[in-house]
Amino acid sequence: MQSEEVMATGGYGPDFEHIMPKYRIVDALRAGHDSFETQCDTYAAFRLSKNLTVFTGEAQYGNWPELLIWNAALSTIPMTEEGNVIYYSDYNMYGAAKENRADGWTCCTGTRPLLMMEIPRLIYFHSNKALYIDQFIPSRVRFSACGKNACLVQKTEFPAKDTIRFFVEIQGGVSTFSLKWRMPSWLEKKLSLRILDVEGKDITQRFDISVDDQGWLCACGAWPEKSTAYLTLPQALSLKLLDPMKKGPAAFMHGPIALAASYTGPQTPNDAMDLLRILPEMIPDPENPLHFHVRGRDDILFKPFFEYREHEKYFIYHDTCAHRTDRFAK
C-alpha cells in the first residue's frame, strides 16, 4: 500500500477512490481533479495506523498519519455553515485549487470533525513503564510514571523549526521510566537528544539512550522531579517520485510537508525548468519559513500545501515522466 498506492501527501485512491496500478494513478493525476477523498480516507488511515501502533508497538505506523495531519487534515479550507467541505483534494499536474464541494452535508461533512478529534489520540501512547511520543504537535499529557503522577508538555514550532522541547514534571520526586520518540522516516541525518535538569545542567549521560526493537528512540533512566528534553529532527528538501522507474510524477517535500508551487509562467513548471535537478537551486526565504525560491527565476515559489487558500492555484505534482529530462541541458 505505502509503496504502490500512497502519494507524497499521504493521500491515496484517485479517480473516485480506486486502488489501481501506478500507470493509472499517473493518468488520474493528469486528467482528473478527484485525487484523494480527503476527510473519509484520512480518518480511515488514522484509525488503522493508531490500532496498528497499539497492537504491534511499532513506531513505523506513525509515519503515515504524520503526512496526513499536515497535508490533508490541516490543509483543508474551512467548512461552511451549509455543510460544504473539501471532498476531494486536487493534485492535478496541470494546475489545481482548493474548493469545497458544491453540495453540502456529504459523508465528508460528518467525517471532518471525527478526523480532527482523532488527531489528539495519535500524539501519545502509554504503557506501564513508558510514554511514547508519536507526533510532534504542541500538547500536554498527564500520565502515570511507574505509579507517580506525571505531566509532559510538548512545545514546538515544528515543522518551521527542527528542535522540540519536552518539559517533564514528576509529582513526588524521581521516577524511573522511559520516554520514547518515533524516528520519522524523512530524517535527513541523525537526530539529537539532550536532557537538562531544572538548573540547566546537562544530564543526558544519566540515561540509557538507545533505539529499541520496535524503532523508538528511548531515554530510560531516573527522571528528576523537573527536567527538559530537547529533540532535534533534521529536515531537508527532497524530491518524491511516484514511479522511480519512470522518474515521475514528482512532488517536493520538506520533512513531512508537501510543497506546492505557485507559478505565474506559461503552461506548467515542468514545461519551463528541469524539476528533476532543481533541488540545489531552491533557496529558502529568510522571512517565511518553508518557502523556497528558485535561483534565477521570479515566476515560481514553493510553499507548504497547507498555506494555500480557496481558489489559489498551485502545482503539487509535476509530470516529469511526460517529457525528456535532458531537454534543458545546455
Protein backbone atom coordinates (compact mmCIF):
# COMPACT_ATOMS: atom_id res chain seq x y z
CA MET A 1 0.00 0.00 0.00
CA GLN A 2 2.66 2.53 1.03
CA SER A 3 4.99 1.87 -1.88
CA GLU A 4 2.41 1.32 -4.61
CA GLU A 5 -0.65 3.46 -3.76
CA VAL A 6 0.16 6.24 -1.28
CA MET A 7 1.20 9.58 -2.76
CA ALA A 8 3.68 12.10 -1.31
CA THR A 9 0.97 13.85 0.72
CA GLY A 10 -0.17 10.58 2.29
CA GLY A 11 -3.26 10.60 0.08
CA TYR A 12 -4.41 7.60 -1.94
CA GLY A 13 -7.23 6.34 -4.15
CA PRO A 14 -7.61 8.86 -7.00
CA ASP A 15 -10.32 8.66 -9.65
CA PHE A 16 -13.26 8.16 -7.26
CA GLU A 17 -11.36 6.24 -4.56
CA HIS A 18 -9.89 3.43 -6.60
CA ILE A 19 -6.86 1.31 -5.72
CA MET A 20 -5.05 0.95 -9.02
CA PRO A 21 -1.71 0.29 -10.78
CA LYS A 22 0.74 3.18 -10.84
CA TYR A 23 0.23 3.97 -14.53
CA ARG A 24 -3.44 4.58 -13.81
CA ILE A 25 -2.59 6.81 -10.85
CA VAL A 26 -0.42 8.85 -13.22
CA ASP A 27 -3.27 9.07 -15.73
CA ALA A 28 -5.63 10.17 -12.94
CA LEU A 29 -3.23 12.94 -11.90
CA ARG A 30 -3.14 14.14 -15.50
CA ALA A 31 -6.84 14.04 -16.32
CA GLY A 32 -8.75 14.22 -13.05
CA HIS A 33 -9.28 16.54 -10.12
CA ASP A 34 -10.58 13.93 -7.66
CA SER A 35 -7.15 12.90 -6.40
CA PHE A 36 -7.92 11.92 -2.80
CA GLU A 37 -11.15 11.72 -0.78
CA THR A 38 -9.62 13.80 1.96
CA GLN A 39 -11.86 13.55 5.01
CA CYS A 40 -13.12 9.96 5.00
CA ASP A 41 -9.91 8.38 3.74
CA THR A 42 -7.76 10.33 6.20
CA TYR A 43 -9.99 9.23 9.05
CA ALA A 44 -9.68 5.61 7.91
CA ALA A 45 -5.88 5.86 7.79
CA PHE A 46 -5.78 7.49 11.24
CA ARG A 47 -7.82 4.70 12.80
CA LEU A 48 -5.89 1.94 11.04
CA SER A 49 -2.49 3.38 11.94
CA LYS A 50 -3.46 4.02 15.56
CA ASN A 51 -4.63 0.45 16.03
CA LEU A 52 -1.54 -0.96 14.32
CA THR A 53 0.63 1.06 16.69
CA VAL A 54 -1.28 -0.24 19.72
CA PHE A 55 -1.34 -3.87 18.58
CA THR A 56 2.27 -4.10 17.34
CA GLY A 57 4.06 -1.41 19.34
CA GLU A 58 5.99 -0.45 16.20
CA ALA A 59 6.93 3.19 15.62
CA GLN A 60 6.71 3.00 11.81
CA TYR A 61 2.92 3.23 11.87
CA GLY A 62 3.13 6.87 12.93
CA ASN A 63 4.72 7.98 9.65
CA TRP A 64 1.57 7.82 7.51
CA PRO A 65 -0.65 9.76 9.96
CA GLU A 66 2.02 12.46 10.16
CA LEU A 67 1.82 13.06 6.41
CA LEU A 68 -1.97 13.18 6.56
CA ILE A 69 -2.11 15.51 9.56
CA TRP A 70 -0.13 18.17 7.73
CA ASN A 71 -1.04 17.58 4.10
CA ALA A 72 -4.69 16.59 4.44
CA ALA A 73 -6.34 17.42 7.79
CA LEU A 74 -4.56 20.77 8.24
CA SER A 75 -4.55 21.55 4.51
CA THR A 76 -8.35 21.62 4.26
CA ILE A 77 -10.01 25.01 3.81
CA PRO A 78 -12.76 25.91 6.30
CA MET A 79 -16.08 24.11 6.06
CA THR A 80 -19.14 26.30 5.51
CA GLU A 81 -22.21 26.60 7.72
CA GLU A 82 -24.14 24.94 4.89
CA GLY A 83 -22.05 21.78 5.24
CA ASN A 84 -19.80 22.34 2.21
CA VAL A 85 -16.37 20.80 2.71
CA ILE A 86 -13.42 19.69 0.61
CA TYR A 87 -14.43 16.25 -0.62
CA TYR A 88 -11.52 15.56 -2.96
CA SER A 89 -8.06 17.08 -2.70
CA ASP A 90 -6.88 18.11 -6.15
CA TYR A 91 -3.34 17.13 -7.25
CA ASN A 92 -3.85 17.62 -10.99
CA MET A 93 -0.46 18.13 -12.63
CA TYR A 94 -1.69 20.86 -14.94
CA GLY A 95 -2.98 23.11 -12.20
CA ALA A 96 -5.27 22.73 -9.21
CA ALA A 97 -7.04 24.71 -6.49
CA LYS A 98 -8.84 24.04 -3.24
CA GLU A 99 -12.62 24.18 -3.44
CA ASN A 100 -15.39 22.94 -1.17
CA ARG A 101 -17.89 20.55 -2.71
CA ALA A 102 -20.93 22.35 -4.12
CA ASP A 103 -23.47 20.11 -2.38
CA GLY A 104 -23.50 20.20 1.40
CA TRP A 105 -23.82 17.56 4.09
CA THR A 106 -21.93 14.79 2.31
CA CYS A 107 -20.26 11.92 4.15
CA CYS A 108 -17.09 14.02 4.36
CA THR A 109 -19.00 16.76 6.20
CA GLY A 110 -19.68 14.32 9.02
CA THR A 111 -16.22 12.79 8.94
CA ARG A 112 -14.39 16.12 9.13
CA PRO A 113 -14.96 16.66 12.89
CA LEU A 114 -14.26 12.99 13.58
CA LEU A 115 -10.82 13.07 11.99
CA MET A 116 -9.91 16.32 13.75
CA MET A 117 -10.89 14.77 17.09
CA GLU A 118 -8.74 11.75 16.24
CA ILE A 119 -5.52 13.78 15.99
CA PRO A 120 -5.00 14.15 19.78
CA ARG A 121 -5.29 10.35 20.07
CA LEU A 122 -2.33 9.97 17.70
CA ILE A 123 0.18 12.11 19.61
CA TYR A 124 0.93 9.86 22.61
CA PHE A 125 0.76 6.20 23.59
CA HIS A 126 1.40 4.77 27.05
CA SER A 127 2.49 1.57 28.74
CA ASN A 128 3.24 0.73 32.36
CA LYS A 129 6.86 1.87 32.07
CA ALA A 130 6.97 4.23 29.09
CA LEU A 131 5.36 7.21 27.40
CA TYR A 132 5.54 7.08 23.58
CA ILE A 133 5.67 10.35 21.64
CA ASP A 134 4.40 9.64 18.14
CA GLN A 135 3.55 13.07 16.70
CA PHE A 136 5.27 16.42 17.08
CA ILE A 137 2.45 18.80 17.93
CA PRO A 138 2.15 21.36 20.77
CA SER A 139 0.31 19.49 23.51
CA ARG A 140 0.12 18.41 27.14
CA VAL A 141 -0.40 14.92 28.52
CA ARG A 142 -0.80 13.60 32.06
CA PHE A 143 0.28 10.01 32.69
CA SER A 144 1.45 7.57 35.33
CA ALA A 145 5.23 7.25 35.58
CA CYS A 146 5.57 3.90 37.36
CA GLY A 147 2.88 4.82 39.86
CA LYS A 148 3.66 8.53 40.17
CA ASN A 149 1.58 11.26 38.59
CA ALA A 150 3.49 12.92 35.78
CA CYS A 151 2.95 15.59 33.15
CA LEU A 152 4.71 16.20 29.84
CA VAL A 153 4.32 19.45 27.89
CA GLN A 154 5.47 19.48 24.27
CA LYS A 155 6.39 22.93 22.96
CA THR A 156 7.37 23.21 19.34
CA GLU A 157 7.32 25.34 16.21
CA PHE A 158 7.73 22.20 14.11
CA PRO A 159 7.77 21.99 11.11
CA ALA A 160 9.09 25.55 10.83
CA LYS A 161 11.92 24.64 13.25
CA ASP A 162 13.68 21.34 13.88
CA THR A 163 14.09 21.41 17.67
CA ILE A 164 11.26 20.40 20.00
CA ARG A 165 11.16 20.86 23.79
CA PHE A 166 9.56 18.42 26.19
CA PHE A 167 9.02 19.62 29.77
CA VAL A 168 8.69 16.70 32.18
CA GLU A 169 7.38 17.04 35.72
CA ILE A 170 7.04 14.15 38.20
CA GLN A 171 4.96 14.60 41.32
CA GLY A 172 6.69 13.18 44.37
CA GLY A 173 10.26 13.21 43.05
CA VAL A 174 12.38 10.88 40.96
CA SER A 175 10.77 8.12 38.90
CA THR A 176 12.46 5.54 36.67
CA PHE A 177 10.71 5.11 33.32
CA SER A 178 11.25 5.64 29.58
CA LEU A 179 10.34 8.37 27.17
CA LYS A 180 10.22 7.03 23.62
CA TRP A 181 10.12 9.03 20.40
CA ARG A 182 9.22 7.96 16.88
CA MET A 183 12.11 8.49 14.48
CA PRO A 184 10.45 9.87 11.32
CA SER A 185 11.13 8.20 8.00
CA TRP A 186 12.07 11.55 6.44
CA LEU A 187 15.03 12.29 8.75
CA GLU A 188 17.82 13.89 6.76
CA LYS A 189 20.55 12.86 9.19
CA LYS A 190 20.95 11.56 12.72
CA LEU A 191 18.66 13.19 15.26
CA SER A 192 20.00 14.57 18.53
CA LEU A 193 18.66 14.41 22.09
CA ARG A 194 19.73 16.42 25.16
CA ILE A 195 18.19 16.27 28.62
CA LEU A 196 18.68 19.10 31.12
CA ASP A 197 17.71 19.35 34.77
CA VAL A 198 15.80 22.26 36.26
CA GLU A 199 19.03 24.24 36.69
CA GLY A 200 20.04 23.77 33.09
CA LYS A 201 22.70 21.12 33.74
CA ASP A 202 23.10 18.50 31.02
CA ILE A 203 22.12 15.12 32.49
CA THR A 204 21.82 13.18 29.23
CA GLN A 205 24.58 10.75 30.24
CA ARG A 206 22.50 9.56 33.18
CA PHE A 207 20.10 7.91 30.77
CA ASP A 208 20.34 4.82 28.64
CA ILE A 209 19.79 6.22 25.13
CA SER A 210 19.09 3.57 22.51
CA VAL A 211 16.78 2.51 19.68
CA ASP A 212 14.57 -0.38 20.68
CA ASP A 213 13.48 -3.34 18.54
CA GLN A 214 10.26 -1.55 17.56
CA GLY A 215 12.00 1.53 16.19
CA TRP A 216 11.56 4.01 19.04
CA LEU A 217 14.34 6.26 20.32
CA CYS A 218 14.38 5.54 24.07
CA ALA A 219 15.64 7.54 27.01
CA CYS A 220 15.42 5.23 30.02
CA GLY A 221 16.51 6.27 33.49
CA ALA A 222 15.64 8.07 36.68
CA TRP A 223 13.81 11.22 35.66
CA PRO A 224 14.11 14.03 38.23
CA GLU A 225 11.14 15.97 39.50
CA LYS A 226 11.57 18.55 36.72
CA SER A 227 13.56 18.25 33.51
CA THR A 228 13.54 19.27 29.86
CA ALA A 229 14.38 17.12 26.84
CA TYR A 230 15.46 18.78 23.60
CA LEU A 231 14.92 16.67 20.48
CA THR A 232 16.25 17.88 17.12
CA LEU A 233 14.80 16.31 13.99
CA PRO A 234 16.83 17.45 10.94
CA GLN A 235 14.58 18.23 7.98
CA ALA A 236 15.62 18.83 4.38
CA LEU A 237 14.21 19.30 0.92
CA SER A 238 13.51 16.12 -1.01
CA LEU A 239 12.05 15.04 -4.32
CA LYS A 240 9.50 12.21 -4.19
CA LEU A 241 8.87 10.25 -7.39
CA LEU A 242 5.61 8.35 -7.57
CA ASP A 243 7.21 5.91 -10.03
CA PRO A 244 11.03 5.97 -9.67
CA MET A 245 11.44 3.78 -12.76
CA LYS A 246 9.74 6.44 -14.92
CA LYS A 247 11.22 9.39 -12.97
CA GLY A 248 7.86 10.83 -12.09
CA PRO A 249 5.45 12.26 -11.39
CA ALA A 250 7.45 14.37 -8.93
CA ALA A 251 6.47 16.13 -5.72
CA PHE A 252 8.62 18.30 -3.47
CA MET A 253 8.77 17.82 0.30
CA HIS A 254 10.46 19.43 3.28
CA GLY A 255 10.48 16.83 6.01
CA PRO A 256 6.83 15.64 6.09
CA ILE A 257 5.48 18.82 4.47
CA ALA A 258 4.31 18.76 0.86
CA LEU A 259 5.42 21.88 -1.01
CA ALA A 260 3.16 23.12 -3.79
CA ALA A 261 4.37 25.53 -6.44
CA SER A 262 2.80 28.92 -7.06
CA TYR A 263 3.69 29.55 -10.69
CA THR A 264 2.96 32.50 -12.98
CA GLY A 265 4.81 31.40 -16.11
CA PRO A 266 3.42 29.72 -19.23
CA GLN A 267 1.94 26.22 -19.13
CA THR A 268 3.37 24.35 -16.09
CA PRO A 269 6.60 24.49 -14.05
CA ASN A 270 7.65 21.23 -15.69
CA ASP A 271 7.48 22.90 -19.12
CA ALA A 272 9.74 25.75 -18.01
CA MET A 273 12.52 24.13 -15.96
CA ASP A 274 14.19 20.83 -15.18
CA LEU A 275 12.42 19.92 -11.97
CA LEU A 276 14.35 16.69 -11.53
CA ARG A 277 17.53 18.71 -11.00
CA ILE A 278 16.14 21.78 -9.30
CA LEU A 279 16.74 20.94 -5.62
CA PRO A 280 20.19 22.64 -5.46
CA GLU A 281 18.62 25.79 -6.92
CA MET A 282 15.88 26.07 -4.30
CA ILE A 283 16.70 28.89 -1.87
CA PRO A 284 14.90 29.33 1.47
CA ASP A 285 13.12 32.62 2.05
CA PRO A 286 14.68 34.08 5.24
CA GLU A 287 11.44 35.80 6.24
CA ASN A 288 8.97 32.99 5.52
CA PRO A 289 9.69 29.52 6.90
CA LEU A 290 9.24 26.64 4.46
CA HIS A 291 9.07 29.00 1.46
CA PHE A 292 11.59 28.37 -1.30
CA HIS A 293 12.50 30.48 -4.31
CA VAL A 294 14.31 29.13 -7.36
CA ARG A 295 17.61 30.76 -8.20
CA GLY A 296 17.34 32.96 -11.29
CA ARG A 297 13.54 32.82 -11.56
CA ASP A 298 10.80 35.14 -10.33
CA ASP A 299 7.84 33.14 -11.66
CA ILE A 300 7.80 30.29 -9.14
CA LEU A 301 7.61 29.89 -5.36
CA PHE A 302 7.34 26.66 -3.40
CA LYS A 303 5.42 26.85 -0.13
CA PRO A 304 3.54 24.40 2.13
CA PHE A 305 0.38 22.94 0.68
CA PHE A 306 -1.40 23.78 3.95
CA GLU A 307 -0.87 27.51 3.30
CA TYR A 308 -2.91 27.61 0.10
CA ARG A 309 -6.31 29.23 0.39
CA GLU A 310 -9.55 28.70 -1.52
CA HIS A 311 -9.23 29.14 -5.32
CA GLU A 312 -5.47 29.80 -5.11
CA LYS A 313 -3.83 27.93 -7.99
CA TYR A 314 -0.98 25.51 -7.27
CA PHE A 315 1.03 22.64 -8.70
CA ILE A 316 1.73 19.88 -6.17
CA TYR A 317 2.58 17.04 -8.57
CA HIS A 318 4.66 17.61 -11.71
CA ASP A 319 4.51 15.49 -14.86
CA THR A 320 8.26 14.82 -15.08
CA CYS A 321 7.70 11.45 -16.76
CA ALA A 322 5.91 13.08 -19.72
CA HIS A 323 8.98 14.84 -21.18
CA ARG A 324 12.67 14.15 -21.73
CA THR A 325 14.57 15.13 -18.60
CA ASP A 326 17.58 16.41 -20.57
CA ARG A 327 15.71 18.96 -22.70
CA PHE A 328 17.05 21.86 -20.61
CA ALA A 329 20.68 20.73 -20.83
CA LYS A 330 22.99 23.41 -22.18
